[in-house]
């Protein structure tokens, strides 16, 4: 275990920083997603210029 321990520890540390970096990169485009709910599709579309 004395031979494998440091290598295993280094590999887990490396995987942690890769996961951290990927998560940080994903947060950038996710910040551009809309924050409001989508309009209900069952509503009638609004028409411009027609008065009934």
C-alpha atoms as a PDB file:
ATOM      1  CA  UNK A   1       0.000   0.000   0.000  1.00  0.00           C
ATOM      2  CA  UNK A   2       2.973   2.312   0.566  1.00  0.00           C
ATOM      3  CA  UNK A   3       3.730   2.281  -3.169  1.00  0.00           C
ATOM      4  CA  UNK A   4       0.158   2.664  -4.402  1.00  0.00           C
ATOM      5  CA  UNK A   5      -1.015   5.212  -1.810  1.00  0.00           C
ATOM      6  CA  UNK A   6       0.740   8.341  -3.115  1.00  0.00           C
ATOM      7  CA  UNK A   7      -0.118   7.561  -6.742  1.00  0.00           C
ATOM      8  CA  UNK A   8      -3.748   6.949  -5.817  1.00  0.00           C
ATOM      9  CA  UNK A   9      -3.846  10.160  -3.809  1.00  0.00           C
ATOM     10  CA  UNK A  10      -2.394  12.151  -6.706  1.00  0.00           C
ATOM     11  CA  UNK A  11      -4.894  10.683  -9.156  1.00  0.00           C
ATOM     12  CA  UNK A  12      -7.854  11.613  -6.944  1.00  0.00           C
ATOM     13  CA  UNK A  13      -6.477  15.139  -6.559  1.00  0.00           C
ATOM     14  CA  UNK A  14      -6.054  15.448 -10.322  1.00  0.00           C
ATOM     15  CA  UNK A  15      -9.606  14.196 -10.937  1.00  0.00           C
ATOM     16  CA  UNK A  16     -10.945  16.693  -8.389  1.00  0.00           C
ATOM     17  CA  UNK A  17      -9.357  19.659 -10.182  1.00  0.00           C
ATOM     18  CA  UNK A  18     -10.550  18.435 -13.579  1.00  0.00           C
ATOM     19  CA  UNK A  19     -14.110  18.129 -12.224  1.00  0.00           C
ATOM     20  CA  UNK A  20     -13.817  21.562 -10.625  1.00  0.00           C
ATOM     21  CA  UNK A  21     -12.616  23.167 -13.866  1.00  0.00           C
ATOM     22  CA  UNK A  22     -15.344  21.515 -15.959  1.00  0.00           C
ATOM     23  CA  UNK A  23     -18.005  22.661 -13.505  1.00  0.00           C
ATOM     24  CA  UNK A  24     -16.666  26.217 -13.646  1.00  0.00           C
ATOM     25  CA  UNK A  25     -16.716  26.126 -17.450  1.00  0.00           C
ATOM     26  CA  UNK A  26     -20.310  24.884 -17.501  1.00  0.00           C
ATOM     27  CA  UNK A  27     -21.471  27.693 -15.202  1.00  0.00           C
ATOM     28  CA  UNK A  28     -20.492  30.337 -17.769  1.00  0.00           C
ATOM     29  CA  UNK A  29     -23.005  29.333 -20.502  1.00  0.00           C
ATOM     30  CA  UNK A  30     -25.581  28.354 -17.861  1.00  0.00           C
ATOM     31  CA  UNK A  31     -25.618  31.957 -16.659  1.00  0.00           C
ATOM     32  CA  UNK A  32     -27.053  32.975 -20.055  1.00  0.00           C
ATOM     33  CA  UNK A  33     -30.105  30.697 -19.750  1.00  0.00           C
ATOM     34  CA  UNK A  34     -33.453  32.448 -19.213  1.00  0.00           C
ATOM     35  CA  UNK A  35     -34.492  32.785 -15.592  1.00  0.00           C
ATOM     36  CA  UNK A  36     -38.246  33.132 -16.162  1.00  0.00           C
ATOM     37  CA  UNK A  37     -40.757  30.421 -16.915  1.00  0.00           C
ATOM     38  CA  UNK A  38     -41.814  29.870 -20.504  1.00  0.00           C
ATOM     39  CA  UNK A  39     -45.164  31.232 -21.636  1.00  0.00           C
ATOM     40  CA  UNK A  40     -48.030  28.754 -21.477  1.00  0.00           C
ATOM     41  CA  UNK A  41     -48.613  27.270 -24.944  1.00  0.00           C
ATOM     42  CA  UNK A  42     -52.386  27.014 -24.403  1.00  0.00           C
ATOM     43  CA  UNK A  43     -52.774  30.775 -24.566  1.00  0.00           C
ATOM     44  CA  UNK A  44     -54.109  32.193 -27.822  1.00  0.00           C
ATOM     45  CA  UNK A  45     -51.430  34.008 -29.786  1.00  0.00           C
ATOM     46  CA  UNK A  46     -51.731  37.760 -29.779  1.00  0.00           C
ATOM     47  CA  UNK A  47     -52.419  39.372 -33.137  1.00  0.00           C
ATOM     48  CA  UNK A  48     -51.247  42.864 -33.906  1.00  0.00           C
ATOM     49  CA  UNK A  49     -53.603  45.280 -35.671  1.00  0.00           C
ATOM     50  CA  UNK A  50     -56.819  43.245 -35.439  1.00  0.00           C
ATOM     51  CA  UNK A  51     -59.538  44.433 -33.082  1.00  0.00           C
ATOM     52  CA  UNK A  52     -62.495  42.203 -32.468  1.00  0.00           C
END
